[in-house]
Protein backbone atom coordinates (compact mmCIF):
# COMPACT_ATOMS: atom_id res chain seq x y z
CA MET A 1 40.34 -61.75 12.47
CA ARG A 2 39.42 -62.43 8.67
CA GLY A 3 41.69 -61.35 5.70
CA ARG A 4 42.70 -62.32 2.22
CA TYR A 5 45.88 -62.29 0.43
CA LEU A 6 45.78 -62.06 -3.18
CA ILE A 7 48.99 -63.24 -5.24
CA ASN A 8 48.82 -62.62 -8.93
CA MET A 9 50.36 -65.05 -11.41
CA PRO A 10 51.29 -64.35 -15.01
CA ALA A 11 48.51 -65.26 -17.55
CA LEU A 12 49.03 -68.43 -19.82
CA LEU A 13 48.23 -69.16 -23.23
CA GLY A 14 46.21 -72.30 -24.25
CA ASN A 15 49.41 -74.39 -24.30
CA GLY A 16 50.82 -73.28 -20.91
CA VAL A 17 53.15 -70.71 -22.08
CA PRO A 18 53.01 -67.29 -20.36
CA ARG A 19 51.43 -64.59 -22.56
CA ARG A 20 54.41 -62.36 -21.60
CA TRP A 21 57.99 -63.32 -20.69
CA GLU A 22 58.70 -63.28 -17.10
CA SER A 23 62.19 -64.33 -15.62
CA GLU A 24 62.29 -67.47 -13.59
CA GLN A 25 63.61 -65.30 -10.59
CA ARG A 26 60.34 -63.21 -10.51
CA THR A 27 58.29 -66.66 -10.73
CA ALA A 28 60.39 -68.07 -7.74
CA GLN A 29 59.68 -64.89 -5.88
CA ARG A 30 55.78 -65.20 -6.30
CA TRP A 31 56.03 -68.77 -5.00
CA HIS A 32 58.34 -67.82 -2.12
CA LEU A 33 55.80 -65.01 -1.16
CA PHE A 34 53.13 -67.57 -1.32
CA ALA A 35 54.97 -70.20 1.00
CA GLU A 36 56.03 -67.47 3.29
CA THR A 37 52.75 -66.07 3.76
CA CYS A 38 51.38 -69.60 4.68
CA ARG A 39 54.17 -70.16 7.24
CA SER A 40 53.55 -66.69 8.88
CA LEU A 41 49.82 -67.63 9.25
CA ALA A 42 50.51 -70.83 10.63
CA ALA A 43 53.00 -69.36 13.16
CA ASP A 44 50.63 -66.87 14.45
CA GLY A 45 47.98 -69.81 14.98
CA LEU A 46 45.65 -68.52 12.28
CA GLU A 47 43.57 -70.95 10.19
CA TYR A 48 43.58 -70.58 6.23
CA ALA A 49 42.34 -71.82 3.15
CA VAL A 50 44.17 -71.61 -0.37
CA THR A 51 42.43 -71.39 -3.59
CA PHE A 52 44.44 -71.77 -6.74
CA ALA A 53 42.83 -70.00 -9.96
CA LEU A 54 45.83 -70.46 -12.45
CA THR A 55 43.72 -70.56 -15.77
CA GLY A 56 41.84 -67.80 -17.38
CA ASP A 57 42.59 -64.11 -18.17
CA ASN A 58 43.46 -63.42 -14.31
CA PRO A 59 45.50 -66.34 -12.75
CA HIS A 60 46.19 -65.94 -9.06
CA ILE A 61 46.28 -67.50 -5.74
CA ARG A 62 43.93 -66.64 -3.12
CA ILE A 63 44.66 -67.23 0.71
CA SER A 64 41.70 -66.68 3.23
CA ALA A 65 42.80 -66.61 6.92
CA TRP A 66 40.61 -66.56 9.99
CA GLY A 67 40.90 -66.76 13.78
CA TYR A 68 42.72 -65.18 16.73
CA ALA A 69 46.53 -64.32 16.06
CA ALA A 70 48.50 -65.55 19.03
CA PRO A 71 52.22 -65.13 17.89
CA LYS A 72 54.49 -67.76 19.24
CA ARG A 73 56.92 -66.39 21.89
CA LYS A 74 60.60 -67.10 21.34
CA PRO A 75 62.24 -68.45 24.60
CA HIS A 76 64.48 -66.02 26.30
CA THR A 77 68.13 -67.20 26.36
CA LEU A 78 69.87 -66.63 29.52
CA ARG A 79 73.12 -64.63 29.21
CA ARG A 80 76.15 -66.55 29.46
CA ILE A 81 78.91 -64.98 31.99
CA SER A 82 82.05 -66.30 31.02
CA LEU A 83 85.57 -65.64 32.85
CA PRO A 84 87.71 -63.18 31.66
CA ALA A 85 90.77 -64.06 29.38
CA ARG A 86 93.50 -65.93 31.76
CA VAL A 87 96.50 -63.83 32.41
CA SER A 88 99.39 -66.01 33.05
CA PRO A 89 101.62 -65.61 36.15
CA LYS A 90 104.62 -65.14 33.78
CA GLN A 91 102.78 -62.00 31.99
CA CYS A 92 101.92 -60.70 35.59
CA ALA A 93 105.51 -61.22 36.57
CA ILE A 94 106.85 -59.16 33.66
CA HIS A 95 104.44 -56.37 34.23
CA ALA A 96 105.44 -56.30 37.89
CA GLN A 97 109.11 -56.26 37.08
CA GLU A 98 108.34 -53.26 34.61
CA ALA A 99 106.70 -51.27 37.47
CA ALA A 100 109.35 -52.03 39.81
CA TRP A 101 111.87 -51.01 37.50
CA PHE A 102 110.92 -47.62 37.57
CA LEU A 103 110.88 -46.95 41.11
CA PRO A 104 113.66 -44.54 42.42
CA GLU A 105 115.43 -47.33 44.34
CA ASN A 106 116.18 -49.16 41.03
CA CYS A 107 117.33 -46.03 39.09
CA GLU A 108 120.82 -47.04 38.69
CA ARG A 109 120.25 -50.69 37.89
CA ARG A 110 118.38 -49.49 34.66
CA ASN A 111 119.90 -50.19 31.26
CA GLY A 112 118.07 -49.10 28.52
CA ASN A 113 120.26 -50.55 25.73
CA THR A 114 119.44 -54.22 26.39
CA THR A 115 116.68 -55.83 23.93
CA HIS A 116 114.19 -56.67 26.42
CA TRP A 117 113.93 -53.11 27.51
CA ARG A 118 114.45 -51.66 24.05
CA GLY A 119 111.39 -53.38 22.68
CA ARG A 120 109.00 -52.01 25.39
CA MET A 121 110.09 -48.47 25.40
CA GLY A 122 106.54 -47.39 24.74
CA ARG A 123 105.14 -49.01 28.13
CA TYR A 124 108.14 -47.74 30.02
CA SER A 125 107.75 -44.13 28.94
CA GLU A 126 104.09 -44.35 30.04
CA LEU A 127 105.26 -45.71 33.42
CA ASP A 128 108.02 -43.32 33.91
CA ALA A 129 105.75 -40.31 33.41
CA MET A 130 103.71 -41.66 36.30
CA ALA A 131 104.32 -40.46 39.66
CA GLU A 132 105.68 -42.71 42.33
CA GLU A 133 102.77 -43.51 44.12
CA GLU A 134 100.95 -44.73 41.14
CA LEU A 135 104.06 -46.98 40.30
CA ARG A 136 103.60 -48.60 43.65
CA ALA A 137 100.03 -49.18 43.15
CA ASP A 138 100.85 -50.81 39.85
CA LEU A 139 103.38 -52.88 41.02
CA GLU A 140 101.14 -54.11 43.84
CA PHE A 141 98.35 -54.85 41.51
CA TRP A 142 100.44 -56.95 39.26
CA ARG A 143 102.11 -58.71 42.01
CA GLU A 144 98.49 -59.65 43.42
CA LEU A 145 97.14 -60.68 39.95
CA GLU A 146 100.14 -62.92 39.61
CA SER A 147 99.40 -64.62 42.85
CA LEU A 148 95.54 -64.88 42.04
CA SER A 149 96.31 -66.14 38.51
CA ALA A 150 98.43 -68.95 39.72
CA GLN A 151 95.49 -69.95 42.16
CA ARG A 152 92.71 -69.63 39.41
CA GLU A 153 91.37 -73.01 39.96
CA HIS A 154 90.58 -72.36 43.42
CA PHE A 155 88.07 -69.79 42.63
CA LYS A 156 85.88 -71.58 40.01
CA PRO A 157 82.30 -71.91 40.90
CA GLY A 158 81.66 -75.12 42.54
CA ARG A 159 84.94 -75.86 44.03
CA THR A 160 85.33 -76.28 47.88
CA ASP A 161 88.29 -76.26 49.83
CA GLU A 162 88.26 -80.24 50.02
CA THR A 163 88.19 -80.53 46.16
CA ALA A 164 90.39 -77.77 44.94
CA TYR A 165 93.70 -79.67 45.21
CA LEU A 166 92.36 -83.27 44.59
CA ASP A 167 94.24 -83.06 41.21
CA ASP A 168 97.53 -82.52 43.18
CA GLU A 169 97.27 -85.65 45.23
CA VAL A 170 98.85 -88.80 43.94
CA ALA A 171 97.51 -92.12 44.78
CA ALA A 172 100.21 -94.24 46.59
């Protein structure tokens, strides 16, 4: 591959002052374009030569590139799999209690005027609308999750039955 890049610069008078006014930002953009073009060519593995012709009627920078383009590949990052957010056993117990509260056998025990239940009426009205079968399944789910969340350390990768409870042992 062969190619040329031409970046025009503002024409200068004999004393080095530009013939027409150009903002510093525009001049900075021209030099930035030059630097980025060189970086891009180098990243693609191409050879290039730069010629500066900053005097005369047509000041410019010419970049001549040649070679075979072989872009560098970015390494693929492995997707990190993280554990879901921890649900504390206390939260599981509260959800299990909520589900159990609306089972038919607890109907006479409910007191909707307490502050605990009054603050959770949205969740209770949702649970109350469920059929009894769904309530029992919800209760079983939260009790099982409460049990598992208390044993979460046991299920971490790399833990074995021998090392699972080493933290609990006290040296005598």
